[in-house]
Amino acid sequence: MKNKKIAIIGAGNMGGAIAVGLLKSGFVPVSNILVSDPKEENIREMEAIGITACESNNIAVQNADVLILAVKPYHIENVIKDIKLDLTPDKILISVVAGVGINELEKMAGESISIFRVMPNTAIALQESLTCISSNSNASKHKAFIIEMFNNLGKTIEIPEELMAAATVLSSCGIAYALRYIRAAMQGGVEIGFTAEMAQFITAQTVKGAVELILQTGNNPELEIDKVTTPQGITIAGLNEMEHKGFSSSLIQGMLASYKKIKNQ
């Protein structure tokens, strides 16, 4: 199974991150990772780390067992139309394209194709993605392989496809939300006396520690918050001021705005 060749169409931010993650994971030999992209700069970046670039999408598909589509939503119909003759039933089609459902993919690619719809985030380059996975009825025989592949690139969760839009907001967009908190905390750190470099290191390690508290204990965040909010203390004073300014509400409203955007595409 691990001798399968994997082609990634679209080597931009997400497609390139998947390629880098696969390379680092050793899940398949580097010779089994192929990419195709119209941008010369993306191709050069992939070739610089030893990944084979194909001259066209068709050549990539013809030489691969697993095809990962990582293109913009408005490009996917034309991309699939161009490669459709090479999409034989023995191939596995994986889409990381936001807002394009499995029914739509089946109409474009054919109902006989094994189709997975996955939503990773860019931490996949570091093998730290949270990847949500859905699939069509033809894909059951390949499910174990696909889950194993993405588990080598972080953690996976299998979800009903109707939750994929929500998963996009919570996981894929969530990287940006978390990074925006880190940036804001860094700016606060500079204002209270640290250099930007020191503030970045302290904030990033603190966030990493907070995440590990939740992942390793399974505790609700409020339980861990209670441990550091003493009566009349400095932590609760800061938290209350943030809530007065709409901290939690702003985050939730931002997520809802992203969700409405993807549902209306």
C-alpha atoms as a PDB file:
ATOM      1  CA  MET A   1       0.000   0.000   0.000  1.00  0.00           C
ATOM      2  CA  LYS A   2       2.757   2.444   0.884  1.00  0.00           C
ATOM      3  CA  ASN A   3       4.217   1.978  -2.576  1.00  0.00           C
ATOM      4  CA  LYS A   4       1.371   4.040  -3.962  1.00  0.00           C
ATOM      5  CA  LYS A   5       2.354   7.160  -5.866  1.00  0.00           C
ATOM      6  CA  ILE A   6       0.726  10.373  -4.686  1.00  0.00           C
ATOM      7  CA  ALA A   7       0.201  13.321  -7.024  1.00  0.00           C
ATOM      8  CA  ILE A   8      -0.733  16.758  -5.733  1.00  0.00           C
ATOM      9  CA  ILE A   9      -2.346  19.136  -8.216  1.00  0.00           C
ATOM     10  CA  GLY A  10      -1.750  22.611  -6.881  1.00  0.00           C
ATOM     11  CA  ALA A  11       1.489  23.212  -4.971  1.00  0.00           C
ATOM     12  CA  GLY A  12       0.475  26.490  -3.345  1.00  0.00           C
ATOM     13  CA  ASN A  13       0.060  27.079   0.386  1.00  0.00           C
ATOM     14  CA  MET A  14      -1.980  23.971   1.181  1.00  0.00           C
ATOM     15  CA  GLY A  15      -0.779  21.644  -1.570  1.00  0.00           C
ATOM     16  CA  GLY A  16       2.834  22.574  -0.890  1.00  0.00           C
ATOM     17  CA  ALA A  17       2.337  22.040   2.853  1.00  0.00           C
ATOM     18  CA  ILE A  18       0.932  18.553   2.191  1.00  0.00           C
ATOM     19  CA  ALA A  19       3.897  17.724  -0.031  1.00  0.00           C
ATOM     20  CA  VAL A  20       6.369  18.893   2.622  1.00  0.00           C
ATOM     21  CA  GLY A  21       4.535  16.938   5.316  1.00  0.00           C
ATOM     22  CA  LEU A  22       4.560  13.766   3.230  1.00  0.00           C
ATOM     23  CA  LEU A  23       8.263  14.221   2.580  1.00  0.00           C
ATOM     24  CA  LYS A  24       9.064  14.669   6.283  1.00  0.00           C
ATOM     25  CA  SER A  25       6.828  11.786   7.356  1.00  0.00           C
ATOM     26  CA  GLY A  26       8.508   9.183   5.157  1.00  0.00           C
ATOM     27  CA  PHE A  27       5.066   7.649   4.604  1.00  0.00           C
ATOM     28  CA  VAL A  28       6.050   7.019   0.996  1.00  0.00           C
ATOM     29  CA  PRO A  29       9.459   7.390  -0.680  1.00  0.00           C
ATOM     30  CA  VAL A  30      10.135  10.876  -1.999  1.00  0.00           C
ATOM     31  CA  SER A  31      10.197   9.403  -5.505  1.00  0.00           C
ATOM     32  CA  ASN A  32       6.505   8.558  -5.013  1.00  0.00           C
ATOM     33  CA  ILE A  33       5.481  12.192  -4.433  1.00  0.00           C
ATOM     34  CA  LEU A  34       4.563  14.151  -7.557  1.00  0.00           C
ATOM     35  CA  VAL A  35       3.299  17.710  -7.953  1.00  0.00           C
ATOM     36  CA  SER A  36       1.818  19.781 -10.726  1.00  0.00           C
ATOM     37  CA  ASP A  37       1.307  23.544 -10.666  1.00  0.00           C
ATOM     38  CA  PRO A  38       1.189  26.301 -13.293  1.00  0.00           C
ATOM     39  CA  LYS A  39       3.329  28.644 -11.181  1.00  0.00           C
ATOM     40  CA  GLU A  40       7.038  28.239 -11.842  1.00  0.00           C
ATOM     41  CA  GLU A  41       7.974  29.480  -8.355  1.00  0.00           C
ATOM     42  CA  ASN A  42       5.902  26.745  -6.707  1.00  0.00           C
ATOM     43  CA  ILE A  43       7.476  24.105  -8.916  1.00  0.00           C
ATOM     44  CA  ARG A  44      10.986  25.348  -8.106  1.00  0.00           C
ATOM     45  CA  GLU A  45      10.264  25.170  -4.374  1.00  0.00           C
ATOM     46  CA  MET A  46       9.132  21.555  -4.682  1.00  0.00           C
ATOM     47  CA  GLU A  47      12.058  20.505  -6.866  1.00  0.00           C
ATOM     48  CA  ALA A  48      14.464  22.152  -4.417  1.00  0.00           C
ATOM     49  CA  ILE A  49      13.436  19.643  -1.729  1.00  0.00           C
ATOM     50  CA  GLY A  50      13.595  16.655  -4.069  1.00  0.00           C
ATOM     51  CA  ILE A  51       9.949  16.330  -5.098  1.00  0.00           C
ATOM     52  CA  THR A  52       9.233  15.486  -8.732  1.00  0.00           C
ATOM     53  CA  ALA A  53       7.360  18.114 -10.729  1.00  0.00           C
ATOM     54  CA  CYS A  54       5.223  16.991 -13.670  1.00  0.00           C
ATOM     55  CA  GLU A  55       4.861  18.921 -16.895  1.00  0.00           C
ATOM     56  CA  SER A  56       1.078  18.773 -16.776  1.00  0.00           C
ATOM     57  CA  ASN A  57      -1.824  17.692 -14.589  1.00  0.00           C
ATOM     58  CA  ASN A  58      -2.491  14.807 -16.966  1.00  0.00           C
ATOM     59  CA  ILE A  59       1.016  13.394 -16.579  1.00  0.00           C
ATOM     60  CA  ALA A  60       0.700  13.674 -12.797  1.00  0.00           C
ATOM     61  CA  VAL A  61      -2.590  11.743 -12.807  1.00  0.00           C
ATOM     62  CA  GLN A  62      -1.355   9.117 -15.239  1.00  0.00           C
ATOM     63  CA  ASN A  63       1.632   8.343 -13.013  1.00  0.00           C
ATOM     64  CA  ALA A  64      -0.188   8.360  -9.652  1.00  0.00           C
ATOM     65  CA  ASP A  65      -2.420   6.050  -7.637  1.00  0.00           C
ATOM     66  CA  VAL A  66      -3.645   8.780  -5.307  1.00  0.00           C
ATOM     67  CA  LEU A  67      -4.583  12.237  -6.571  1.00  0.00           C
ATOM     68  CA  ILE A  68      -4.864  15.202  -4.194  1.00  0.00           C
ATOM     69  CA  LEU A  69      -6.654  18.254  -5.583  1.00  0.00           C
ATOM     70  CA  ALA A  70      -5.445  21.405  -3.827  1.00  0.00           C
ATOM     71  CA  VAL A  71      -6.668  24.114  -6.181  1.00  0.00           C
ATOM     72  CA  LYS A  72      -8.903  27.146  -5.751  1.00  0.00           C
ATOM     73  CA  PRO A  73     -12.650  26.344  -5.747  1.00  0.00           C
ATOM     74  CA  TYR A  74     -13.201  28.282  -8.979  1.00  0.00           C
ATOM     75  CA  HIS A  75     -10.546  26.171 -10.759  1.00  0.00           C
ATOM     76  CA  ILE A  76     -11.661  22.697  -9.739  1.00  0.00           C
ATOM     77  CA  GLU A  77     -14.286  22.129 -12.436  1.00  0.00           C
ATOM     78  CA  ASN A  78     -11.859  22.894 -15.260  1.00  0.00           C
ATOM     79  CA  VAL A  79      -9.069  20.875 -13.621  1.00  0.00           C
ATOM     80  CA  ILE A  80     -11.244  17.772 -13.297  1.00  0.00           C
ATOM     81  CA  LYS A  81     -12.592  18.260 -16.830  1.00  0.00           C
ATOM     82  CA  ASP A  82      -9.024  18.256 -18.177  1.00  0.00           C
ATOM     83  CA  ILE A  83      -7.959  15.109 -16.304  1.00  0.00           C
ATOM     84  CA  LYS A  84     -11.217  13.154 -16.442  1.00  0.00           C
ATOM     85  CA  LEU A  85     -10.053  10.694 -19.102  1.00  0.00           C
ATOM     86  CA  ASP A  86      -7.112   9.766 -16.845  1.00  0.00           C
ATOM     87  CA  LEU A  87      -9.317   9.309 -13.766  1.00  0.00           C
ATOM     88  CA  THR A  88      -9.732   5.550 -13.931  1.00  0.00           C
ATOM     89  CA  PRO A  89     -11.727   3.691 -11.228  1.00  0.00           C
ATOM     90  CA  ASP A  90      -8.559   2.262  -9.671  1.00  0.00           C
ATOM     91  CA  LYS A  91      -7.386   5.750  -8.640  1.00  0.00           C
ATOM     92  CA  ILE A  92      -8.200   7.516  -5.361  1.00  0.00           C
ATOM     93  CA  LEU A  93      -9.339  11.128  -5.599  1.00  0.00           C
ATOM     94  CA  ILE A  94      -8.830  13.385  -2.580  1.00  0.00           C
ATOM     95  CA  SER A  95     -10.139  16.947  -2.558  1.00  0.00           C
ATOM     96  CA  VAL A  96      -8.984  19.586  -0.081  1.00  0.00           C
ATOM     97  CA  VAL A  97     -11.016  22.240  -1.922  1.00  0.00           C
ATOM     98  CA  ALA A  98     -13.251  24.215   0.424  1.00  0.00           C
ATOM     99  CA  GLY A  99     -16.938  24.424  -0.362  1.00  0.00           C
ATOM    100  CA  VAL A 100     -17.080  21.697  -3.027  1.00  0.00           C
ATOM    101  CA  GLY A 101     -19.110  18.712  -1.851  1.00  0.00           C
ATOM    102  CA  ILE A 102     -18.763  15.024  -2.647  1.00  0.00           C
ATOM    103  CA  ASN A 103     -21.919  15.031  -4.799  1.00  0.00           C
ATOM    104  CA  GLU A 104     -20.434  17.820  -6.901  1.00  0.00           C
ATOM    105  CA  LEU A 105     -17.123  15.971  -7.152  1.00  0.00           C
ATOM    106  CA  GLU A 106     -18.928  12.816  -8.285  1.00  0.00           C
ATOM    107  CA  LYS A 107     -20.741  14.751 -10.995  1.00  0.00           C
ATOM    108  CA  MET A 108     -17.435  16.163 -12.241  1.00  0.00           C
ATOM    109  CA  ALA A 109     -15.243  13.067 -11.897  1.00  0.00           C
ATOM    110  CA  GLY A 110     -17.726  10.210 -12.248  1.00  0.00           C
ATOM    111  CA  GLU A 111     -19.630   8.131  -9.719  1.00  0.00           C
ATOM    112  CA  SER A 112     -17.279   5.152 -10.107  1.00  0.00           C
ATOM    113  CA  ILE A 113     -14.335   7.068  -8.577  1.00  0.00           C
ATOM    114  CA  SER A 114     -13.321   6.616  -4.922  1.00  0.00           C
ATOM    115  CA  ILE A 115     -13.591  10.126  -3.529  1.00  0.00           C
ATOM    116  CA  PHE A 116     -12.409  11.540  -0.231  1.00  0.00           C
ATOM    117  CA  ARG A 117     -13.047  15.070   0.902  1.00  0.00           C
ATOM    118  CA  VAL A 118     -10.515  16.162   3.514  1.00  0.00           C
ATOM    119  CA  MET A 119      -9.886  19.394   5.372  1.00  0.00           C
ATOM    120  CA  PRO A 120      -6.387  19.729   6.861  1.00  0.00           C
ATOM    121  CA  ASN A 121      -4.667  22.899   8.003  1.00  0.00           C
ATOM    122  CA  THR A 122      -1.272  24.299   7.099  1.00  0.00           C
ATOM    123  CA  ALA A 123       0.360  22.721  10.172  1.00  0.00           C
ATOM    124  CA  ILE A 124       0.348  19.603   7.986  1.00  0.00           C
ATOM    125  CA  ALA A 125       3.806  20.693   6.803  1.00  0.00           C
ATOM    126  CA  LEU A 126       5.007  20.020  10.377  1.00  0.00           C
ATOM    127  CA  GLN A 127       2.960  16.804  10.689  1.00  0.00           C
ATOM    128  CA  GLU A 128       0.713  18.598  13.195  1.00  0.00           C
ATOM    129  CA  SER A 129      -2.498  19.039  11.212  1.00  0.00           C
ATOM    130  CA  LEU A 130      -5.984  18.239  12.397  1.00  0.00           C
ATOM    131  CA  THR A 131      -7.509  16.681   9.289  1.00  0.00           C
ATOM    132  CA  CYS A 132     -11.238  16.027   8.941  1.00  0.00           C
ATOM    133  CA  ILE A 133     -12.216  13.266   6.512  1.00  0.00           C
ATOM    134  CA  SER A 134     -15.414  12.341   4.653  1.00  0.00           C
ATOM    135  CA  SER A 135     -15.835   9.952   1.717  1.00  0.00           C
ATOM    136  CA  ASN A 136     -18.289   8.528  -0.802  1.00  0.00           C
ATOM    137  CA  SER A 137     -19.661   4.992  -0.891  1.00  0.00           C
ATOM    138  CA  ASN A 138     -16.933   3.739  -3.252  1.00  0.00           C
ATOM    139  CA  ALA A 139     -14.112   4.723  -0.931  1.00  0.00           C
ATOM    140  CA  SER A 140     -14.536   2.231   1.932  1.00  0.00           C
ATOM    141  CA  LYS A 141     -11.813  -0.123   0.673  1.00  0.00           C
ATOM    142  CA  HIS A 142      -9.281   2.722   0.717  1.00  0.00           C
ATOM    143  CA  LYS A 143     -10.345   4.372   3.980  1.00  0.00           C
ATOM    144  CA  ALA A 144      -7.754   2.686   6.208  1.00  0.00           C
ATOM    145  CA  PHE A 145      -4.950   3.789   3.883  1.00  0.00           C
ATOM    146  CA  ILE A 146      -6.133   7.407   3.694  1.00  0.00           C
ATOM    147  CA  ILE A 147      -6.595   7.672   7.460  1.00  0.00           C
ATOM    148  CA  GLU A 148      -3.131   6.190   8.012  1.00  0.00           C
ATOM    149  CA  MET A 149      -1.630   8.653   5.536  1.00  0.00           C
ATOM    150  CA  PHE A 150      -3.132  11.688   7.230  1.00  0.00           C
ATOM    151  CA  ASN A 151      -2.371  10.313  10.704  1.00  0.00           C
ATOM    152  CA  ASN A 152       1.258  10.478   9.604  1.00  0.00           C
ATOM    153  CA  LEU A 153       0.646  14.180   9.007  1.00  0.00           C
ATOM    154  CA  GLY A 154      -0.984  14.918  12.378  1.00  0.00           C
ATOM    155  CA  LYS A 155      -4.312  13.706  13.750  1.00  0.00           C
ATOM    156  CA  THR A 156      -7.472  12.761  11.874  1.00  0.00           C
ATOM    157  CA  ILE A 157     -11.168  12.696  12.637  1.00  0.00           C
ATOM    158  CA  GLU A 158     -13.831  11.143  10.416  1.00  0.00           C
ATOM    159  CA  ILE A 159     -16.923  13.335  10.196  1.00  0.00           C
ATOM    160  CA  PRO A 160     -20.241  13.425   8.300  1.00  0.00           C
ATOM    161  CA  GLU A 161     -19.839  15.495   5.174  1.00  0.00           C
ATOM    162  CA  GLU A 162     -22.507  17.966   6.296  1.00  0.00           C
ATOM    163  CA  LEU A 163     -20.052  19.104   9.005  1.00  0.00           C
ATOM    164  CA  MET A 164     -17.229  19.783   6.546  1.00  0.00           C
ATOM    165  CA  ALA A 165     -18.006  23.499   6.236  1.00  0.00           C
ATOM    166  CA  ALA A 166     -17.932  23.811  10.014  1.00  0.00           C
ATOM    167  CA  ALA A 167     -14.698  21.805  10.130  1.00  0.00           C
ATOM    168  CA  THR A 168     -13.146  24.203   7.635  1.00  0.00           C
ATOM    169  CA  VAL A 169     -13.884  27.120   9.954  1.00  0.00           C
ATOM    170  CA  LEU A 170     -12.830  25.408  13.183  1.00  0.00           C
ATOM    171  CA  SER A 171      -9.656  23.702  11.937  1.00  0.00           C
ATOM    172  CA  SER A 172      -8.402  25.276   8.718  1.00  0.00           C
ATOM    173  CA  CYS A 173      -9.433  28.876   9.449  1.00  0.00           C
ATOM    174  CA  GLY A 174      -8.737  28.168  13.114  1.00  0.00           C
ATOM    175  CA  ILE A 175      -4.987  28.294  12.482  1.00  0.00           C
ATOM    176  CA  ALA A 176      -5.344  31.954  11.494  1.00  0.00           C
ATOM    177  CA  TYR A 177      -7.547  32.714  14.492  1.00  0.00           C
ATOM    178  CA  ALA A 178      -4.995  31.202  16.878  1.00  0.00           C
ATOM    179  CA  LEU A 179      -2.130  33.028  15.199  1.00  0.00           C
ATOM    180  CA  ARG A 180      -4.004  36.312  15.451  1.00  0.00           C
ATOM    181  CA  TYR A 181      -4.274  35.772  19.243  1.00  0.00           C
ATOM    182  CA  ILE A 182      -0.527  35.078  19.362  1.00  0.00           C
ATOM    183  CA  ARG A 183       0.210  38.264  17.428  1.00  0.00           C
ATOM    184  CA  ALA A 184      -1.995  40.336  19.728  1.00  0.00           C
ATOM    185  CA  ALA A 185      -0.382  38.817  22.832  1.00  0.00           C
ATOM    186  CA  MET A 186       3.057  39.585  21.394  1.00  0.00           C
ATOM    187  CA  GLN A 187       2.066  43.206  20.871  1.00  0.00           C
ATOM    188  CA  GLY A 188       0.892  43.367  24.455  1.00  0.00           C
ATOM    189  CA  GLY A 189       4.167  41.844  25.560  1.00  0.00           C
ATOM    190  CA  VAL A 190       6.129  44.530  23.732  1.00  0.00           C
ATOM    191  CA  GLU A 191       4.021  47.228  25.356  1.00  0.00           C
ATOM    192  CA  ILE A 192       4.819  45.918  28.838  1.00  0.00           C
ATOM    193  CA  GLY A 193       8.547  45.725  28.206  1.00  0.00           C
ATOM    194  CA  PHE A 194       9.709  42.755  26.155  1.00  0.00           C
ATOM    195  CA  THR A 195      11.443  42.832  22.802  1.00  0.00           C
ATOM    196  CA  ALA A 196       9.394  41.473  19.908  1.00  0.00           C
ATOM    197  CA  GLU A 197      11.585  38.353  19.742  1.00  0.00           C
ATOM    198  CA  MET A 198      11.238  37.611  23.446  1.00  0.00           C
ATOM    199  CA  ALA A 199       7.498  38.302  23.390  1.00  0.00           C
ATOM    200  CA  GLN A 200       7.064  35.913  20.455  1.00  0.00           C
ATOM    201  CA  PHE A 201       8.974  33.097  22.153  1.00  0.00           C
ATOM    202  CA  ILE A 202       7.180  33.511  25.492  1.00  0.00           C
ATOM    203  CA  THR A 203       3.743  33.716  23.864  1.00  0.00           C
ATOM    204  CA  ALA A 204       4.266  30.772  21.515  1.00  0.00           C
ATOM    205  CA  GLN A 205       5.589  28.482  24.255  1.00  0.00           C
ATOM    206  CA  THR A 206       2.773  29.549  26.578  1.00  0.00           C
ATOM    207  CA  VAL A 207       0.149  28.728  23.937  1.00  0.00           C
ATOM    208  CA  LYS A 208       1.846  25.401  23.276  1.00  0.00           C
ATOM    209  CA  GLY A 209       1.691  24.611  26.995  1.00  0.00           C
ATOM    210  CA  ALA A 210      -1.992  25.572  27.174  1.00  0.00           C
ATOM    211  CA  VAL A 211      -2.776  23.307  24.227  1.00  0.00           C
ATOM    212  CA  GLU A 212      -0.921  20.367  25.788  1.00  0.00           C
ATOM    213  CA  LEU A 213      -2.863  20.817  29.032  1.00  0.00           C
ATOM    214  CA  ILE A 214      -6.080  20.244  27.113  1.00  0.00           C
ATOM    215  CA  LEU A 215      -4.818  17.475  24.826  1.00  0.00           C
ATOM    216  CA  GLN A 216      -3.082  15.475  27.541  1.00  0.00           C
ATOM    217  CA  THR A 217      -5.679  15.851  30.327  1.00  0.00           C
ATOM    218  CA  GLY A 218      -8.873  16.149  28.304  1.00  0.00           C
ATOM    219  CA  ASN A 219      -9.986  18.830  30.766  1.00  0.00           C
ATOM    220  CA  ASN A 220     -12.415  21.565  29.819  1.00  0.00           C
ATOM    221  CA  PRO A 221     -10.456  24.816  29.361  1.00  0.00           C
ATOM    222  CA  GLU A 222     -12.438  26.461  32.174  1.00  0.00           C
ATOM    223  CA  LEU A 223     -11.056  23.930  34.661  1.00  0.00           C
ATOM    224  CA  GLU A 224      -7.494  24.917  33.762  1.00  0.00           C
ATOM    225  CA  ILE A 225      -8.438  28.613  33.807  1.00  0.00           C
ATOM    226  CA  ASP A 226      -9.835  28.215  37.335  1.00  0.00           C
ATOM    227  CA  LYS A 227      -6.448  26.951  38.498  1.00  0.00           C
ATOM    228  CA  VAL A 228      -4.788  30.298  37.714  1.00  0.00           C
ATOM    229  CA  THR A 229      -7.598  32.723  38.590  1.00  0.00           C
ATOM    230  CA  THR A 230      -7.226  33.388  42.302  1.00  0.00           C
ATOM    231  CA  PRO A 231      -9.703  35.687  44.131  1.00  0.00           C
ATOM    232  CA  GLN A 232      -8.946  39.351  43.472  1.00  0.00           C
ATOM    233  CA  GLY A 233      -5.975  38.215  41.398  1.00  0.00           C
ATOM    234  CA  ILE A 234      -4.307  39.667  38.345  1.00  0.00           C
ATOM    235  CA  THR A 235      -5.435  36.896  35.944  1.00  0.00           C
ATOM    236  CA  ILE A 236      -9.146  37.308  36.600  1.00  0.00           C
ATOM    237  CA  ALA A 237      -8.774  41.088  36.307  1.00  0.00           C
ATOM    238  CA  GLY A 238      -7.279  40.686  32.831  1.00  0.00           C
ATOM    239  CA  LEU A 239      -9.817  38.075  31.730  1.00  0.00           C
ATOM    240  CA  ASN A 240     -12.758  40.157  32.867  1.00  0.00           C
ATOM    241  CA  GLU A 241     -11.454  43.215  31.026  1.00  0.00           C
ATOM    242  CA  MET A 242     -11.056  41.133  27.859  1.00  0.00           C
ATOM    243  CA  GLU A 243     -14.629  39.877  28.171  1.00  0.00           C
ATOM    244  CA  HIS A 244     -15.897  43.429  28.739  1.00  0.00           C
ATOM    245  CA  LYS A 245     -14.239  44.327  25.433  1.00  0.00           C
ATOM    246  CA  GLY A 246     -15.912  41.371  23.684  1.00  0.00           C
ATOM    247  CA  PHE A 247     -13.049  38.843  23.498  1.00  0.00           C
ATOM    248  CA  SER A 248     -15.132  35.637  23.364  1.00  0.00           C
ATOM    249  CA  SER A 249     -18.004  37.262  21.505  1.00  0.00           C
ATOM    250  CA  SER A 250     -15.685  38.639  18.808  1.00  0.00           C
ATOM    251  CA  LEU A 251     -14.116  35.235  18.243  1.00  0.00           C
ATOM    252  CA  ILE A 252     -17.469  33.470  17.993  1.00  0.00           C
ATOM    253  CA  GLN A 253     -18.863  36.146  15.670  1.00  0.00           C
ATOM    254  CA  GLY A 254     -15.768  35.887  13.495  1.00  0.00           C
ATOM    255  CA  MET A 255     -16.211  32.117  13.207  1.00  0.00           C
ATOM    256  CA  LEU A 256     -19.874  32.571  12.305  1.00  0.00           C
ATOM    257  CA  ALA A 257     -18.920  35.109   9.632  1.00  0.00           C
ATOM    258  CA  SER A 258     -16.497  32.596   8.098  1.00  0.00           C
ATOM    259  CA  TYR A 259     -19.134  29.859   8.295  1.00  0.00           C
ATOM    260  CA  LYS A 260     -21.764  31.996   6.556  1.00  0.00           C
ATOM    261  CA  LYS A 261     -19.213  32.868   3.866  1.00  0.00           C
ATOM    262  CA  ILE A 262     -18.414  29.232   3.063  1.00  0.00           C
ATOM    263  CA  LYS A 263     -22.074  28.178   3.144  1.00  0.00           C
ATOM    264  CA  ASN A 264     -23.006  30.905   0.680  1.00  0.00           C
ATOM    265  CA  GLN A 265     -20.273  30.094  -1.858  1.00  0.00           C
END
